[in-house]
Amino acid sequence: MDGTESQAPRFHFRGWIGVLVGVALIAVVGLIGFSWYISGYNRAVRLEQSVKEAWAQVDVVIERRFDLIPNLVEVVKVYAAHEKEIFEHLADARTQYQKAQTVSDKAAAASLFDRALVNVLALAENYPQLRANENFLKLQDSLEGAENRIAVERMRYNAAVQALNTYYRSFFGGFFCRRAQVQMVEFYKAPEVKKEAPKVKF
């Protein structure tokens, strides 16, 4: 038998091995690339979900503070029923908050609410009996506790926002966010009234 005839099948077999190795390498690279894409895509979705969940908690604690207001108004009205404008500001601010769609609009409404609330609480300075009222003091404590919870949840929300926005600005993060239709989110800034309480005139 001629030696060349016995070598031909060997070369043919080696050629197929090379093809299979090449296909396997392409498949591995493709799998790695696909896994990388899915991982980046899912991270964008998770970060967005974290922001939504954090905001939901902010919204809950703000609404809980709103729930304290009717009782506060009823107590204060006993001593200062004529201060209707101040009470109306509280109601208007709550309405604006509930109608607001964006974080900035809700923050603005919360700021208006805080200003109105400061004015209501300041009435105690003009009404010593109100200042000594047990229900009023309990409501003050509850409102302070609610404000502390809001501050904590706002901090958590802003941390989630920072994580998302930082990822969006990263080299590949923006690509994955756009593919997942995830947008950058605005921070929830503390109301200005917290920095400097407005002066109350009576």
N, C-alpha and C. Protein backbone atom coordinates (compact mmCIF):
# COMPACT_ATOMS: atom_id res chain seq x y z
N MET A 1 0.86 -1.19 0.00
CA MET A 1 0.00 0.00 0.00
C MET A 1 0.89 1.23 0.00
N ASP A 2 0.48 2.24 -0.77
CA ASP A 2 1.26 3.48 -0.85
C ASP A 2 1.16 4.24 0.45
N GLY A 3 2.26 4.81 0.96
CA GLY A 3 2.27 5.55 2.23
C GLY A 3 1.44 6.80 2.19
N THR A 4 1.33 7.40 1.02
CA THR A 4 0.56 8.65 0.91
C THR A 4 -0.91 8.40 1.14
N GLU A 5 -1.37 7.19 0.76
CA GLU A 5 -2.79 6.89 0.94
C GLU A 5 -3.13 6.72 2.41
N SER A 6 -2.22 6.20 3.22
CA SER A 6 -2.48 6.02 4.65
C SER A 6 -2.42 7.32 5.42
N GLN A 7 -1.67 8.30 4.89
CA GLN A 7 -1.54 9.59 5.59
C GLN A 7 -2.73 10.50 5.31
N ALA A 8 -3.40 10.32 4.21
CA ALA A 8 -4.51 11.22 3.84
C ALA A 8 -5.62 11.24 4.88
N PRO A 9 -6.06 10.06 5.37
CA PRO A 9 -7.12 10.10 6.40
C PRO A 9 -6.67 10.80 7.67
N ARG A 10 -5.36 10.64 7.97
CA ARG A 10 -4.86 11.30 9.18
C ARG A 10 -4.97 12.82 9.07
N PHE A 11 -4.55 13.35 7.94
CA PHE A 11 -4.64 14.80 7.73
C PHE A 11 -6.10 15.27 7.75
N HIS A 12 -6.93 14.43 7.13
CA HIS A 12 -8.36 14.76 7.11
C HIS A 12 -8.92 14.81 8.54
N PHE A 13 -8.53 13.84 9.38
CA PHE A 13 -8.99 13.79 10.77
C PHE A 13 -8.48 14.99 11.56
N ARG A 14 -7.20 15.33 11.35
CA ARG A 14 -6.62 16.49 12.04
C ARG A 14 -7.33 17.78 11.63
N GLY A 15 -7.72 17.84 10.39
CA GLY A 15 -8.44 19.04 9.93
C GLY A 15 -9.76 19.22 10.65
N TRP A 16 -10.46 18.11 10.83
CA TRP A 16 -11.73 18.18 11.55
C TRP A 16 -11.52 18.57 13.02
N ILE A 17 -10.45 18.07 13.63
CA ILE A 17 -10.14 18.44 15.01
C ILE A 17 -9.91 19.95 15.11
N GLY A 18 -9.17 20.50 14.15
CA GLY A 18 -8.93 21.94 14.14
C GLY A 18 -10.23 22.73 14.03
N VAL A 19 -11.13 22.24 13.16
CA VAL A 19 -12.42 22.92 12.99
C VAL A 19 -13.22 22.88 14.28
N LEU A 20 -13.25 21.69 14.90
CA LEU A 20 -14.01 21.54 16.15
C LEU A 20 -13.44 22.39 17.26
N VAL A 21 -12.11 22.47 17.35
CA VAL A 21 -11.47 23.32 18.36
C VAL A 21 -11.83 24.78 18.11
N GLY A 22 -11.80 25.17 16.85
CA GLY A 22 -12.15 26.55 16.52
C GLY A 22 -13.59 26.89 16.88
N VAL A 23 -14.49 25.95 16.56
CA VAL A 23 -15.90 26.16 16.90
C VAL A 23 -16.09 26.23 18.40
N ALA A 24 -15.38 25.35 19.12
CA ALA A 24 -15.48 25.34 20.57
C ALA A 24 -15.00 26.66 21.16
N LEU A 25 -13.89 27.17 20.63
CA LEU A 25 -13.35 28.45 21.11
C LEU A 25 -14.34 29.58 20.86
N ILE A 26 -14.93 29.57 19.67
CA ILE A 26 -15.92 30.60 19.34
C ILE A 26 -17.12 30.50 20.28
N ALA A 27 -17.54 29.26 20.54
CA ALA A 27 -18.68 29.06 21.44
C ALA A 27 -18.37 29.54 22.85
N VAL A 28 -17.15 29.25 23.32
CA VAL A 28 -16.75 29.69 24.66
C VAL A 28 -16.70 31.20 24.74
N VAL A 29 -16.07 31.81 23.73
CA VAL A 29 -16.00 33.28 23.70
C VAL A 29 -17.40 33.88 23.63
N GLY A 30 -18.27 33.27 22.81
CA GLY A 30 -19.64 33.75 22.71
C GLY A 30 -20.39 33.63 24.02
N LEU A 31 -20.17 32.49 24.70
CA LEU A 31 -20.83 32.28 25.99
C LEU A 31 -20.35 33.28 27.03
N ILE A 32 -19.04 33.54 27.03
CA ILE A 32 -18.49 34.53 27.96
C ILE A 32 -19.06 35.92 27.66
N GLY A 33 -19.11 36.26 26.36
CA GLY A 33 -19.66 37.56 25.97
C GLY A 33 -21.13 37.69 26.33
N PHE A 34 -21.88 36.60 26.11
CA PHE A 34 -23.30 36.62 26.45
C PHE A 34 -23.51 36.76 27.95
N SER A 35 -22.71 36.02 28.71
CA SER A 35 -22.81 36.10 30.18
C SER A 35 -22.46 37.50 30.66
N TRP A 36 -21.45 38.10 30.06
CA TRP A 36 -21.04 39.47 30.41
C TRP A 36 -22.18 40.45 30.12
N TYR A 37 -22.81 40.28 28.96
CA TYR A 37 -23.90 41.16 28.59
C TYR A 37 -25.08 41.02 29.56
N ILE A 38 -25.46 39.78 29.83
CA ILE A 38 -26.59 39.53 30.74
C ILE A 38 -26.28 40.08 32.12
N SER A 39 -25.04 39.90 32.59
CA SER A 39 -24.66 40.38 33.91
C SER A 39 -24.77 41.91 33.99
N GLY A 40 -24.25 42.59 32.98
CA GLY A 40 -24.32 44.06 32.96
C GLY A 40 -25.76 44.55 32.84
N TYR A 41 -26.54 43.89 32.00
CA TYR A 41 -27.95 44.26 31.81
C TYR A 41 -28.72 44.08 33.12
N ASN A 42 -28.53 42.91 33.75
CA ASN A 42 -29.25 42.63 35.00
C ASN A 42 -28.83 43.58 36.12
N ARG A 43 -27.57 43.99 36.11
CA ARG A 43 -27.11 44.92 37.14
C ARG A 43 -27.83 46.26 37.00
N ALA A 44 -28.00 46.71 35.77
CA ALA A 44 -28.73 47.97 35.54
C ALA A 44 -30.16 47.85 36.06
N VAL A 45 -30.79 46.72 35.79
CA VAL A 45 -32.17 46.50 36.24
C VAL A 45 -32.24 46.45 37.76
N ARG A 46 -31.28 45.76 38.38
CA ARG A 46 -31.27 45.66 39.85
C ARG A 46 -31.07 47.03 40.49
N LEU A 47 -30.19 47.83 39.95
CA LEU A 47 -29.94 49.15 40.51
C LEU A 47 -31.18 50.03 40.40
N GLU A 48 -31.86 49.93 39.26
CA GLU A 48 -33.10 50.70 39.08
C GLU A 48 -34.16 50.24 40.08
N GLN A 49 -34.25 48.93 40.27
CA GLN A 49 -35.22 48.39 41.21
C GLN A 49 -34.91 48.83 42.64
N SER A 50 -33.64 48.89 42.98
CA SER A 50 -33.23 49.35 44.31
C SER A 50 -33.66 50.79 44.54
N VAL A 51 -33.52 51.61 43.52
CA VAL A 51 -33.95 53.01 43.62
C VAL A 51 -35.46 53.10 43.84
N LYS A 52 -36.21 52.30 43.08
CA LYS A 52 -37.67 52.33 43.21
C LYS A 52 -38.10 51.86 44.61
N GLU A 53 -37.46 50.81 45.10
CA GLU A 53 -37.81 50.31 46.42
C GLU A 53 -37.45 51.32 47.51
N ALA A 54 -36.31 51.98 47.35
CA ALA A 54 -35.89 52.99 48.33
C ALA A 54 -36.85 54.17 48.31
N TRP A 55 -37.28 54.57 47.12
CA TRP A 55 -38.24 55.68 47.06
C TRP A 55 -39.58 55.30 47.68
N ALA A 56 -39.98 54.07 47.48
CA ALA A 56 -41.25 53.62 48.07
C ALA A 56 -41.21 53.77 49.58
N GLN A 57 -40.07 53.50 50.19
CA GLN A 57 -39.94 53.65 51.64
C GLN A 57 -39.99 55.13 52.04
N VAL A 58 -39.38 55.98 51.25
CA VAL A 58 -39.45 57.43 51.52
C VAL A 58 -40.91 57.87 51.48
N ASP A 59 -41.60 57.43 50.45
CA ASP A 59 -43.00 57.81 50.27
C ASP A 59 -43.86 57.33 51.44
N VAL A 60 -43.59 56.14 51.92
CA VAL A 60 -44.36 55.58 53.04
C VAL A 60 -44.19 56.42 54.30
N VAL A 61 -42.95 56.77 54.64
CA VAL A 61 -42.73 57.52 55.88
C VAL A 61 -43.26 58.94 55.77
N ILE A 62 -43.22 59.51 54.58
CA ILE A 62 -43.79 60.85 54.41
C ILE A 62 -45.30 60.80 54.58
N GLU A 63 -45.93 59.79 54.00
CA GLU A 63 -47.38 59.64 54.14
C GLU A 63 -47.77 59.40 55.60
N ARG A 64 -46.94 58.67 56.32
CA ARG A 64 -47.23 58.44 57.75
C ARG A 64 -47.17 59.75 58.52
N ARG A 65 -46.26 60.62 58.12
CA ARG A 65 -46.22 61.92 58.78
C ARG A 65 -47.47 62.73 58.44
N PHE A 66 -47.91 62.65 57.20
CA PHE A 66 -49.14 63.32 56.82
C PHE A 66 -50.31 62.84 57.67
N ASP A 67 -50.32 61.55 57.99
CA ASP A 67 -51.43 60.98 58.76
C ASP A 67 -51.53 61.57 60.17
N LEU A 68 -50.44 62.15 60.65
CA LEU A 68 -50.45 62.75 61.99
C LEU A 68 -51.09 64.14 62.00
N ILE A 69 -51.17 64.75 60.83
CA ILE A 69 -51.58 66.15 60.74
C ILE A 69 -53.02 66.39 61.17
N PRO A 70 -54.00 65.57 60.77
CA PRO A 70 -55.38 65.85 61.21
C PRO A 70 -55.50 65.95 62.73
N ASN A 71 -54.84 65.05 63.44
CA ASN A 71 -54.89 65.11 64.91
C ASN A 71 -54.22 66.38 65.42
N LEU A 72 -53.11 66.74 64.80
CA LEU A 72 -52.41 67.96 65.21
C LEU A 72 -53.30 69.18 65.00
N VAL A 73 -53.93 69.25 63.87
CA VAL A 73 -54.80 70.38 63.56
C VAL A 73 -55.95 70.47 64.55
N GLU A 74 -56.54 69.34 64.88
CA GLU A 74 -57.65 69.34 65.82
C GLU A 74 -57.23 69.86 67.19
N VAL A 75 -56.06 69.47 67.64
CA VAL A 75 -55.56 69.94 68.95
C VAL A 75 -55.28 71.43 68.91
N VAL A 76 -54.62 71.88 67.85
CA VAL A 76 -54.24 73.29 67.76
C VAL A 76 -55.46 74.18 67.59
N LYS A 77 -56.46 73.71 66.85
CA LYS A 77 -57.66 74.51 66.60
C LYS A 77 -58.38 74.88 67.89
N VAL A 78 -58.27 74.07 68.89
CA VAL A 78 -58.92 74.36 70.17
C VAL A 78 -58.42 75.69 70.73
N TYR A 79 -57.15 76.00 70.48
CA TYR A 79 -56.55 77.22 71.03
C TYR A 79 -56.37 78.31 69.98
N ALA A 80 -56.33 77.92 68.70
CA ALA A 80 -56.05 78.92 67.66
C ALA A 80 -56.91 78.65 66.43
N ALA A 81 -58.21 78.60 66.64
CA ALA A 81 -59.13 78.29 65.55
C ALA A 81 -59.09 79.33 64.44
N HIS A 82 -58.68 80.57 64.77
CA HIS A 82 -58.70 81.65 63.80
C HIS A 82 -57.51 81.58 62.83
N GLU A 83 -56.54 80.70 63.08
CA GLU A 83 -55.36 80.59 62.22
C GLU A 83 -55.66 79.66 61.04
N LYS A 84 -56.74 79.98 60.33
CA LYS A 84 -57.19 79.11 59.24
C LYS A 84 -56.18 79.02 58.10
N GLU A 85 -55.53 80.12 57.80
CA GLU A 85 -54.60 80.14 56.67
C GLU A 85 -53.47 79.13 56.85
N ILE A 86 -52.97 79.03 58.08
CA ILE A 86 -51.88 78.10 58.35
C ILE A 86 -52.33 76.66 58.12
N PHE A 87 -53.55 76.35 58.57
CA PHE A 87 -54.07 74.99 58.38
C PHE A 87 -54.31 74.69 56.90
N GLU A 88 -54.76 75.72 56.18
CA GLU A 88 -54.99 75.53 54.74
C GLU A 88 -53.69 75.25 54.01
N HIS A 89 -52.60 75.87 54.44
CA HIS A 89 -51.30 75.62 53.82
C HIS A 89 -50.87 74.17 53.99
N LEU A 90 -51.18 73.61 55.15
CA LEU A 90 -50.87 72.20 55.38
C LEU A 90 -51.63 71.31 54.41
N ALA A 91 -52.90 71.58 54.26
CA ALA A 91 -53.75 70.77 53.38
C ALA A 91 -53.31 70.92 51.92
N ASP A 92 -52.99 72.15 51.53
CA ASP A 92 -52.56 72.40 50.14
C ASP A 92 -51.25 71.67 49.84
N ALA A 93 -50.33 71.71 50.79
CA ALA A 93 -49.03 71.06 50.58
C ALA A 93 -49.20 69.56 50.43
N ARG A 94 -50.08 68.98 51.23
CA ARG A 94 -50.32 67.54 51.13
C ARG A 94 -50.93 67.20 49.77
N THR A 95 -51.87 68.01 49.31
CA THR A 95 -52.49 67.78 48.01
C THR A 95 -51.46 67.85 46.89
N GLN A 96 -50.57 68.85 46.97
CA GLN A 96 -49.53 68.99 45.96
C GLN A 96 -48.59 67.79 45.96
N TYR A 97 -48.28 67.29 47.15
CA TYR A 97 -47.39 66.13 47.23
C TYR A 97 -48.03 64.92 46.56
N GLN A 98 -49.31 64.71 46.81
CA GLN A 98 -49.99 63.55 46.26
C GLN A 98 -50.15 63.65 44.75
N LYS A 99 -50.20 64.87 44.22
CA LYS A 99 -50.33 65.06 42.78
C LYS A 99 -48.98 65.02 42.07
N ALA A 100 -47.90 65.26 42.79
CA ALA A 100 -46.57 65.33 42.19
C ALA A 100 -46.17 64.00 41.58
N GLN A 101 -45.50 64.06 40.42
CA GLN A 101 -45.10 62.85 39.72
C GLN A 101 -43.60 62.59 39.81
N THR A 102 -42.81 63.64 39.89
CA THR A 102 -41.35 63.48 39.92
C THR A 102 -40.82 63.69 41.33
N VAL A 103 -39.60 63.22 41.54
CA VAL A 103 -38.97 63.38 42.85
C VAL A 103 -38.79 64.86 43.19
N SER A 104 -38.38 65.65 42.22
CA SER A 104 -38.16 67.08 42.48
C SER A 104 -39.47 67.77 42.85
N ASP A 105 -40.57 67.40 42.18
CA ASP A 105 -41.87 67.99 42.51
C ASP A 105 -42.33 67.57 43.91
N LYS A 106 -42.10 66.31 44.24
CA LYS A 106 -42.47 65.83 45.57
C LYS A 106 -41.60 66.51 46.64
N ALA A 107 -40.33 66.71 46.34
CA ALA A 107 -39.45 67.38 47.28
C ALA A 107 -39.90 68.82 47.50
N ALA A 108 -40.33 69.49 46.43
CA ALA A 108 -40.82 70.86 46.54
C ALA A 108 -42.09 70.91 47.38
N ALA A 109 -42.99 69.95 47.16
CA ALA A 109 -44.23 69.90 47.95
C ALA A 109 -43.93 69.59 49.40
N ALA A 110 -42.98 68.70 49.65
CA ALA A 110 -42.59 68.38 51.02
C ALA A 110 -41.99 69.60 51.71
N SER A 111 -41.27 70.42 50.95
CA SER A 111 -40.69 71.63 51.51
C SER A 111 -41.78 72.61 51.92
N LEU A 112 -42.81 72.74 51.08
CA LEU A 112 -43.94 73.61 51.42
C LEU A 112 -44.65 73.09 52.67
N PHE A 113 -44.79 71.80 52.73
CA PHE A 113 -45.44 71.19 53.89
C PHE A 113 -44.63 71.47 55.16
N ASP A 114 -43.33 71.33 55.08
CA ASP A 114 -42.48 71.57 56.25
C ASP A 114 -42.59 73.01 56.73
N ARG A 115 -42.67 73.94 55.79
CA ARG A 115 -42.81 75.35 56.18
C ARG A 115 -44.14 75.58 56.91
N ALA A 116 -45.20 74.99 56.36
CA ALA A 116 -46.51 75.13 57.00
C ALA A 116 -46.51 74.47 58.37
N LEU A 117 -45.85 73.33 58.48
CA LEU A 117 -45.79 72.62 59.76
C LEU A 117 -45.02 73.42 60.80
N VAL A 118 -43.93 74.05 60.39
CA VAL A 118 -43.17 74.89 61.31
C VAL A 118 -44.06 76.00 61.86
N ASN A 119 -44.87 76.58 60.99
CA ASN A 119 -45.76 77.65 61.43
C ASN A 119 -46.81 77.16 62.43
N VAL A 120 -47.31 75.94 62.20
CA VAL A 120 -48.30 75.38 63.13
C VAL A 120 -47.66 75.12 64.49
N LEU A 121 -46.50 74.52 64.48
CA LEU A 121 -45.82 74.21 65.74
C LEU A 121 -45.39 75.48 66.47
N ALA A 122 -45.12 76.53 65.70
CA ALA A 122 -44.71 77.79 66.31
C ALA A 122 -45.85 78.47 67.07
N LEU A 123 -47.08 78.06 66.78
CA LEU A 123 -48.21 78.65 67.49
C LEU A 123 -48.13 78.38 68.99
N ALA A 124 -47.46 77.32 69.35
CA ALA A 124 -47.33 76.98 70.78
C ALA A 124 -46.63 78.08 71.55
N GLU A 125 -45.78 78.84 70.88
CA GLU A 125 -45.08 79.93 71.56
C GLU A 125 -46.04 81.03 71.98
N ASN A 126 -47.12 81.17 71.24
CA ASN A 126 -48.11 82.22 71.55
C ASN A 126 -49.26 81.72 72.42
N TYR A 127 -49.32 80.39 72.58
CA TYR A 127 -50.40 79.81 73.37
C TYR A 127 -49.82 78.85 74.40
N PRO A 128 -49.51 79.36 75.59
CA PRO A 128 -48.90 78.53 76.64
C PRO A 128 -49.71 77.28 76.98
N GLN A 129 -51.02 77.39 76.91
CA GLN A 129 -51.85 76.22 77.21
C GLN A 129 -51.67 75.12 76.16
N LEU A 130 -51.49 75.54 74.93
CA LEU A 130 -51.23 74.57 73.86
C LEU A 130 -49.87 73.90 74.08
N ARG A 131 -48.90 74.70 74.49
CA ARG A 131 -47.55 74.19 74.72
C ARG A 131 -47.54 73.15 75.84
N ALA A 132 -48.50 73.25 76.75
CA ALA A 132 -48.57 72.32 77.87
C ALA A 132 -49.53 71.16 77.62
N ASN A 133 -50.21 71.21 76.48
CA ASN A 133 -51.19 70.17 76.18
C ASN A 133 -50.49 68.83 75.93
N GLU A 134 -50.94 67.79 76.63
CA GLU A 134 -50.27 66.48 76.54
C GLU A 134 -50.37 65.89 75.13
N ASN A 135 -51.53 66.02 74.52
CA ASN A 135 -51.70 65.49 73.16
C ASN A 135 -50.79 66.21 72.16
N PHE A 136 -50.68 67.52 72.34
CA PHE A 136 -49.82 68.31 71.47
C PHE A 136 -48.37 67.87 71.62
N LEU A 137 -47.94 67.65 72.84
CA LEU A 137 -46.56 67.22 73.09
C LEU A 137 -46.30 65.84 72.48
N LYS A 138 -47.29 64.95 72.59
CA LYS A 138 -47.12 63.62 72.00
C LYS A 138 -47.03 63.70 70.48
N LEU A 139 -47.85 64.58 69.91
CA LEU A 139 -47.81 64.74 68.46
C LEU A 139 -46.48 65.34 68.01
N GLN A 140 -45.96 66.26 68.78
CA GLN A 140 -44.64 66.82 68.47
C GLN A 140 -43.58 65.72 68.45
N ASP A 141 -43.62 64.86 69.45
CA ASP A 141 -42.66 63.75 69.50
C ASP A 141 -42.84 62.81 68.30
N SER A 142 -44.08 62.54 67.96
CA SER A 142 -44.35 61.66 66.82
C SER A 142 -43.86 62.27 65.52
N LEU A 143 -44.07 63.58 65.38
CA LEU A 143 -43.61 64.27 64.18
C LEU A 143 -42.09 64.28 64.09
N GLU A 144 -41.45 64.47 65.24
CA GLU A 144 -39.98 64.45 65.26
C GLU A 144 -39.47 63.06 64.87
N GLY A 145 -40.11 62.02 65.40
CA GLY A 145 -39.73 60.66 65.04
C GLY A 145 -39.94 60.39 63.56
N ALA A 146 -41.06 60.90 63.03
CA ALA A 146 -41.34 60.72 61.60
C ALA A 146 -40.30 61.42 60.75
N GLU A 147 -39.89 62.60 61.18
CA GLU A 147 -38.88 63.35 60.44
C GLU A 147 -37.54 62.62 60.44
N ASN A 148 -37.22 62.01 61.56
CA ASN A 148 -35.97 61.24 61.63
C ASN A 148 -36.02 60.04 60.69
N ARG A 149 -37.17 59.38 60.61
CA ARG A 149 -37.30 58.24 59.71
C ARG A 149 -37.22 58.68 58.26
N ILE A 150 -37.81 59.84 57.97
CA ILE A 150 -37.73 60.38 56.62
C ILE A 150 -36.28 60.65 56.24
N ALA A 151 -35.53 61.23 57.18
CA ALA A 151 -34.12 61.54 56.92
C ALA A 151 -33.32 60.26 56.63
N VAL A 152 -33.62 59.20 57.39
CA VAL A 152 -32.92 57.92 57.18
C VAL A 152 -33.26 57.33 55.82
N GLU A 153 -34.55 57.31 55.48
CA GLU A 153 -34.97 56.72 54.20
C GLU A 153 -34.50 57.59 53.04
N ARG A 154 -34.47 58.89 53.23
CA ARG A 154 -33.95 59.77 52.17
C ARG A 154 -32.48 59.48 51.91
N MET A 155 -31.72 59.23 52.98
CA MET A 155 -30.30 58.91 52.84
C MET A 155 -30.11 57.59 52.08
N ARG A 156 -30.95 56.59 52.40
CA ARG A 156 -30.87 55.31 51.71
C ARG A 156 -31.25 55.45 50.24
N TYR A 157 -32.27 56.25 50.00
CA TYR A 157 -32.67 56.49 48.61
C TYR A 157 -31.55 57.15 47.83
N ASN A 158 -30.95 58.17 48.39
CA ASN A 158 -29.88 58.88 47.70
C ASN A 158 -28.67 57.98 47.47
N ALA A 159 -28.43 57.04 48.40
CA ALA A 159 -27.33 56.09 48.22
C ALA A 159 -27.63 55.17 47.03
N ALA A 160 -28.89 54.74 46.90
CA ALA A 160 -29.29 53.90 45.77
C ALA A 160 -29.19 54.68 44.46
N VAL A 161 -29.58 55.94 44.50
CA VAL A 161 -29.48 56.80 43.32
C VAL A 161 -28.03 56.98 42.91
N GLN A 162 -27.16 57.21 43.87
CA GLN A 162 -25.75 57.38 43.57
C GLN A 162 -25.16 56.13 42.91
N ALA A 163 -25.54 54.96 43.42
CA ALA A 163 -25.04 53.71 42.85
C ALA A 163 -25.49 53.56 41.40
N LEU A 164 -26.76 53.87 41.13
CA LEU A 164 -27.27 53.77 39.77
C LEU A 164 -26.61 54.79 38.85
N ASN A 165 -26.55 56.04 39.28
CA ASN A 165 -25.98 57.08 38.44
C ASN A 165 -24.49 56.86 38.17
N THR A 166 -23.78 56.35 39.18
CA THR A 166 -22.36 56.05 38.99
C THR A 166 -22.18 54.95 37.95
N TYR A 167 -23.01 53.92 38.04
CA TYR A 167 -22.94 52.83 37.06
C TYR A 167 -23.29 53.35 35.67
N TYR A 168 -24.27 54.22 35.58
CA TYR A 168 -24.68 54.77 34.29
C TYR A 168 -23.53 55.55 33.65
N ARG A 169 -22.75 56.23 34.47
CA ARG A 169 -21.65 57.04 33.94
C ARG A 169 -20.40 56.22 33.63
N SER A 170 -20.37 54.97 34.08
CA SER A 170 -19.20 54.14 33.82
C SER A 170 -19.13 53.80 32.33
N PHE A 171 -17.97 53.29 31.89
CA PHE A 171 -17.71 53.09 30.46
C PHE A 171 -18.74 52.17 29.82
N PHE A 172 -18.97 51.01 30.40
CA PHE A 172 -19.94 50.07 29.86
C PHE A 172 -21.31 50.19 30.52
N GLY A 173 -21.36 50.77 31.72
CA GLY A 173 -22.63 50.87 32.43
C GLY A 173 -23.68 51.63 31.66
N GLY A 174 -23.29 52.73 31.03
CA GLY A 174 -24.23 53.52 30.25
C GLY A 174 -24.83 52.70 29.12
N PHE A 175 -24.00 51.88 28.49
CA PHE A 175 -24.48 51.01 27.40
C PHE A 175 -25.55 50.05 27.91
N PHE A 176 -25.26 49.39 29.03
CA PHE A 176 -26.21 48.43 29.58
C PHE A 176 -27.49 49.13 30.05
N CYS A 177 -27.35 50.29 30.66
CA CYS A 177 -28.52 51.03 31.14
C CYS A 177 -29.42 51.43 29.98
N ARG A 178 -28.81 51.89 28.91
CA ARG A 178 -29.61 52.28 27.74
C ARG A 178 -30.31 51.06 27.12
N ARG A 179 -29.61 49.93 27.10
CA ARG A 179 -30.23 48.72 26.57
C ARG A 179 -31.40 48.27 27.44
N ALA A 180 -31.28 48.48 28.74
CA ALA A 180 -32.34 48.09 29.68
C ALA A 180 -33.37 49.20 29.88
N GLN A 181 -33.19 50.31 29.14
CA GLN A 181 -34.08 51.48 29.25
C GLN A 181 -34.11 52.03 30.69
N VAL A 182 -32.94 52.05 31.30
CA VAL A 182 -32.78 52.59 32.65
C VAL A 182 -32.15 53.98 32.53
N GLN A 183 -32.76 54.94 33.18
CA GLN A 183 -32.30 56.31 33.12
C GLN A 183 -31.64 56.73 34.43
N MET A 184 -30.84 57.78 34.35
CA MET A 184 -30.29 58.36 35.57
C MET A 184 -31.44 58.96 36.39
N VAL A 185 -31.26 59.02 37.70
CA VAL A 185 -32.32 59.45 38.60
C VAL A 185 -31.82 60.64 39.43
N GLU A 186 -32.73 61.54 39.74
CA GLU A 186 -32.35 62.71 40.53
C GLU A 186 -32.37 62.39 42.02
N PHE A 187 -31.50 63.07 42.74
CA PHE A 187 -31.43 62.90 44.19
C PHE A 187 -32.62 63.59 44.84
N TYR A 188 -32.94 63.15 46.05
CA TYR A 188 -33.98 63.80 46.84
C TYR A 188 -33.27 64.69 47.85
N LYS A 189 -33.23 65.96 47.52
CA LYS A 189 -32.54 66.91 48.39
C LYS A 189 -33.42 67.26 49.60
N ALA A 190 -32.76 67.48 50.71
CA ALA A 190 -33.49 67.86 51.92
C ALA A 190 -34.17 69.20 51.69
N PRO A 191 -35.41 69.36 52.15
CA PRO A 191 -36.10 70.64 51.99
C PRO A 191 -35.30 71.79 52.57
N GLU A 192 -35.35 72.91 51.92
CA GLU A 192 -34.59 74.08 52.37
C GLU A 192 -34.97 74.52 53.77
N VAL A 193 -36.21 74.24 54.16
CA VAL A 193 -36.66 74.66 55.48
C VAL A 193 -35.84 74.03 56.59
N LYS A 194 -35.22 72.88 56.29
CA LYS A 194 -34.42 72.20 57.29
C LYS A 194 -33.13 72.95 57.57
N LYS A 195 -32.67 73.71 56.58
CA LYS A 195 -31.43 74.44 56.75
C LYS A 195 -31.65 75.74 57.51
N GLU A 196 -32.79 76.34 57.23
CA GLU A 196 -33.09 77.61 57.91
C GLU A 196 -34.58 77.74 58.07
N ALA A 197 -35.07 77.59 59.26
CA ALA A 197 -36.51 77.64 59.50
C ALA A 197 -37.04 79.04 59.19
N PRO A 198 -38.17 79.12 58.52
CA PRO A 198 -38.74 80.43 58.17
C PRO A 198 -39.22 81.18 59.40
N LYS A 199 -39.18 82.50 59.32
CA LYS A 199 -39.65 83.33 60.42
C LYS A 199 -41.17 83.38 60.41
N VAL A 200 -41.76 83.29 61.55
CA VAL A 200 -43.21 83.28 61.67
C VAL A 200 -43.70 84.61 62.19
N LYS A 201 -44.65 85.17 61.47
CA LYS A 201 -45.20 86.46 61.89
C LYS A 201 -46.67 86.27 62.26
N PHE A 202 -47.05 86.83 63.38
CA PHE A 202 -48.45 86.75 63.83
C PHE A 202 -48.99 88.16 64.05
